Every structure is written in structure tokens, then in C-alpha cells.
Amino acid sequence: MVNCQMMTDIEAVAAAIHETWRALSHRHGWSMQQHLDRPYAELADNDKDDNRAAARRMGDVLGVAGLRLSNDPAARPMPEGALESGIETMAEAEHNGWMSQRLRNGWTWASARDDAAKQHPSILPYDQLSEKEKEKDRDSVRHYPEFAARAGYRITPKD
């Protein structure tokens, strides 16, 4: 059994998150900032930190739906439909975790994104986001099984 906050290989999960998004970006033709479109090992430490923060909060986000990361091959598999049935609660938890991390790092709200000034238009409570922005959080949660698998974990129910 793995407690995501204490024992999960955060670096492996962070790399899996980055590489999954990078592959999806290429597959779907999404724009990706040039300095991020490289293997995880080649990223600057501050860019790796965003992925590490996402890896650390996965346990909390999964927990709101009674799920966890595990590397125990004997653990029961995630029930069919578990992500979709808890998607809104998990998406809100994902957004809140992302926003908290940004605020701790000095980011503020602004109507337009400006990375140099650490300003972002999505630094708002989840219920104030547009549907398009909420869908980004939902989409992130929907990719949790892929993040987990790339890092050697899987999502299982909390026992």
C-alpha cells in the first residue's frame, strides 16, 4: 500500500504527468510553450516543480472520491466509472490545489495570463471559472490513471 503524500515516488509521478501531457499535446496539436516541450529530465527545476506539485496533490484529489494511488498488485482495482462519478468534486479539489500552489509562489489574479508577472486569469474559486476552464481540471483528473500507470502505480479504492 502507498500513501501518496508519504511514500509515493513523487519524481516518477511528476515525470509521468509531464510526459503524458507532452504526448497528448503532440497527439492533439495543442500548443505547448517551447521550454516545456522537452523530456522531463531536461526541464528547468522551476518547471519540474509544477509537475511535482501536481503529483503531490493527486493523493488528496483521489481521496475526495474514496480512491488512492497504490503499487500493491493485490489491491482491488478502481471501480468502473469511479472517476466520472466523482469528477466534479475531484476537479474542484485539483483546481483548489493548483491555485493554492500558485498563490504560495506569489501568483495573483489578472484578466490575462502573464508568466513573468506571475498573473493568471484562473486564480479564482472553481465555481467562478468558465466551463472551458473547469473542463481543463476535469480533463486532468481523467488522465490520472495514465499518470499513475506511467509511474508504476494504479488507482484503487481506499480500504
Protein backbone atom coordinates (compact mmCIF):
# COMPACT_ATOMS: atom_id res chain seq x y z
CA MET A 1 0.00 0.00 0.00
CA VAL A 2 1.21 3.52 -0.77
CA ASN A 3 0.30 6.71 1.00
CA CYS A 4 0.66 9.23 -1.84
CA GLN A 5 1.78 12.01 0.48
CA MET A 6 4.44 9.97 2.31
CA MET A 7 5.82 7.17 0.16
CA THR A 8 4.91 7.74 -3.48
CA ASP A 9 7.85 8.36 -5.75
CA ILE A 10 6.87 11.97 -6.42
CA GLU A 11 9.59 12.40 -9.03
CA ALA A 12 8.33 9.39 -11.03
CA VAL A 13 4.72 10.63 -10.88
CA ALA A 14 5.79 14.19 -11.79
CA ALA A 15 7.71 12.88 -14.81
CA ALA A 16 4.69 10.76 -15.81
CA ILE A 17 2.40 13.79 -15.60
CA HIS A 18 4.72 15.86 -17.77
CA GLU A 19 5.31 13.14 -20.35
CA THR A 20 1.59 12.33 -20.58
CA TRP A 21 0.67 15.97 -21.23
CA ARG A 22 3.54 16.33 -23.67
CA ALA A 23 2.37 13.27 -25.64
CA LEU A 24 -1.24 14.47 -25.58
CA SER A 25 -0.13 17.89 -26.77
CA HIS A 26 1.66 16.37 -29.74
CA ARG A 27 -1.18 13.94 -30.50
CA HIS A 28 -3.90 16.60 -30.39
CA GLY A 29 -1.92 19.53 -31.79
CA TRP A 30 -2.21 21.60 -28.60
CA SER A 31 0.18 24.47 -28.24
CA MET A 32 2.89 23.97 -25.64
CA GLN A 33 5.44 26.52 -24.57
CA GLN A 34 8.74 25.67 -26.24
CA HIS A 35 10.70 25.48 -22.98
CA LEU A 36 8.24 22.81 -21.75
CA ASP A 37 8.24 20.67 -24.89
CA ARG A 38 11.20 18.54 -23.87
CA PRO A 39 11.70 15.41 -21.77
CA TYR A 40 11.10 15.87 -18.05
CA ALA A 41 14.78 15.31 -17.24
CA GLU A 42 15.66 18.34 -19.39
CA LEU A 43 13.21 20.76 -17.75
CA ALA A 44 14.37 23.61 -15.55
CA ASP A 45 13.80 22.92 -11.84
CA ASN A 46 11.06 25.55 -11.56
CA ASP A 47 9.17 23.82 -14.41
CA LYS A 48 9.62 20.44 -12.73
CA ASP A 49 8.20 21.98 -9.54
CA ASP A 50 4.76 22.47 -11.15
CA ASN A 51 4.69 18.77 -12.06
CA ARG A 52 5.90 17.79 -8.58
CA ALA A 53 3.13 19.87 -7.01
CA ALA A 54 0.57 18.13 -9.26
CA ALA A 55 1.99 14.75 -8.24
CA ARG A 56 1.80 15.61 -4.54
CA ARG A 57 -1.84 16.68 -4.72
CA MET A 58 -3.03 13.56 -6.58
CA GLY A 59 -3.50 11.70 -3.30
CA ASP A 60 -5.69 14.45 -1.85
CA VAL A 61 -7.72 14.76 -5.06
CA LEU A 62 -8.27 11.00 -5.30
CA GLY A 63 -9.11 10.89 -1.60
CA VAL A 64 -12.21 13.08 -2.02
CA ALA A 65 -13.67 10.24 -4.13
CA GLY A 66 -12.53 7.42 -1.82
CA LEU A 67 -9.61 6.49 -4.08
CA ARG A 68 -5.82 6.34 -3.71
CA LEU A 69 -2.60 5.59 -5.57
CA SER A 70 -1.22 2.13 -4.93
CA ASN A 71 1.64 -0.05 -6.05
CA ASP A 72 0.15 -3.10 -4.30
CA PRO A 73 -0.67 -5.65 -7.02
CA ALA A 74 -3.18 -7.32 -4.67
CA ALA A 75 -5.23 -4.15 -4.15
CA ARG A 76 -8.71 -4.11 -5.63
CA PRO A 77 -8.87 -2.24 -8.95
CA MET A 78 -10.64 1.09 -9.23
CA PRO A 79 -14.37 0.50 -9.72
CA GLU A 80 -15.71 1.12 -13.22
CA GLY A 81 -16.90 4.72 -13.53
CA ALA A 82 -15.30 5.85 -10.26
CA LEU A 83 -13.52 8.82 -11.84
CA GLU A 84 -16.56 10.08 -13.72
CA SER A 85 -18.88 9.67 -10.74
CA GLY A 86 -16.61 11.89 -8.65
CA ILE A 87 -15.30 14.10 -11.45
CA GLU A 88 -16.73 17.41 -10.30
CA THR A 89 -15.57 17.06 -6.70
CA MET A 90 -12.13 15.89 -7.82
CA ALA A 91 -11.84 18.63 -10.47
CA GLU A 92 -12.62 21.25 -7.83
CA ALA A 93 -10.02 19.73 -5.49
CA GLU A 94 -7.47 19.68 -8.34
CA HIS A 95 -8.18 23.34 -9.13
CA ASN A 96 -8.00 24.38 -5.48
CA GLY A 97 -4.68 22.58 -5.07
CA TRP A 98 -3.28 24.17 -8.24
CA MET A 99 -4.49 27.62 -7.16
CA SER A 100 -3.07 27.24 -3.63
CA GLN A 101 0.30 26.26 -5.05
CA ARG A 102 0.30 29.26 -7.39
CA LEU A 103 -0.69 31.65 -4.59
CA ARG A 104 2.09 30.29 -2.34
CA ASN A 105 4.51 31.05 -5.16
CA GLY A 106 3.41 34.67 -5.45
CA TRP A 107 0.92 34.45 -8.32
CA THR A 108 -2.11 36.72 -8.40
CA TRP A 109 -5.28 37.00 -10.44
CA ALA A 110 -5.29 39.09 -13.61
CA SER A 111 -7.59 39.14 -16.62
CA ALA A 112 -4.74 37.93 -18.87
CA ARG A 113 -2.01 35.40 -18.21
CA ASP A 114 1.47 36.84 -17.73
CA ASP A 115 4.02 34.29 -16.53
CA ALA A 116 6.75 36.88 -15.99
CA ALA A 117 4.46 38.90 -13.70
CA LYS A 118 3.02 35.71 -12.15
CA GLN A 119 -0.54 36.60 -13.10
CA HIS A 120 -3.24 34.15 -14.19
CA PRO A 121 -6.94 34.55 -15.02
CA SER A 122 -7.85 31.17 -13.46
CA ILE A 123 -6.84 32.15 -9.94
CA LEU A 124 -10.49 32.19 -8.93
CA PRO A 125 -12.74 29.90 -6.92
CA TYR A 126 -13.79 26.88 -9.00
CA ASP A 127 -17.44 27.96 -9.16
CA GLN A 128 -16.38 31.23 -10.82
CA LEU A 129 -14.46 29.54 -13.65
CA SER A 130 -15.84 29.25 -17.16
CA GLU A 131 -16.93 25.79 -18.29
CA LYS A 132 -13.87 25.69 -20.56
CA GLU A 133 -11.55 26.24 -17.57
CA LYS A 134 -13.43 23.72 -15.42
CA GLU A 135 -13.06 21.19 -18.21
CA LYS A 136 -9.26 21.54 -18.00
CA ASP A 137 -9.42 20.41 -14.36
CA ARG A 138 -11.81 17.57 -15.21
CA ASP A 139 -9.52 16.51 -18.05
CA SER A 140 -6.53 16.46 -15.72
CA VAL A 141 -8.37 14.13 -13.32
CA ARG A 142 -9.47 11.90 -16.22
CA HIS A 143 -5.80 11.37 -17.05
CA TYR A 144 -4.87 10.29 -13.51
CA PRO A 145 -4.95 6.57 -14.45
CA GLU A 146 -2.45 7.24 -17.24
CA PHE A 147 -0.22 9.34 -14.95
CA ALA A 148 -0.32 6.55 -12.37
CA ALA A 149 0.40 3.76 -14.86
CA ARG A 150 3.39 5.58 -16.38
CA ALA A 151 4.86 5.89 -12.89
CA GLY A 152 4.22 2.26 -11.91
CA TYR A 153 1.09 2.85 -9.84
CA ARG A 154 -2.62 2.37 -10.26
CA ILE A 155 -5.71 3.89 -8.72
CA THR A 156 -7.52 1.73 -6.21
CA PRO A 157 -10.30 2.21 -3.67
CA LYS A 158 -9.32 3.26 -0.18
CA ASP A 159 -9.80 0.27 2.06
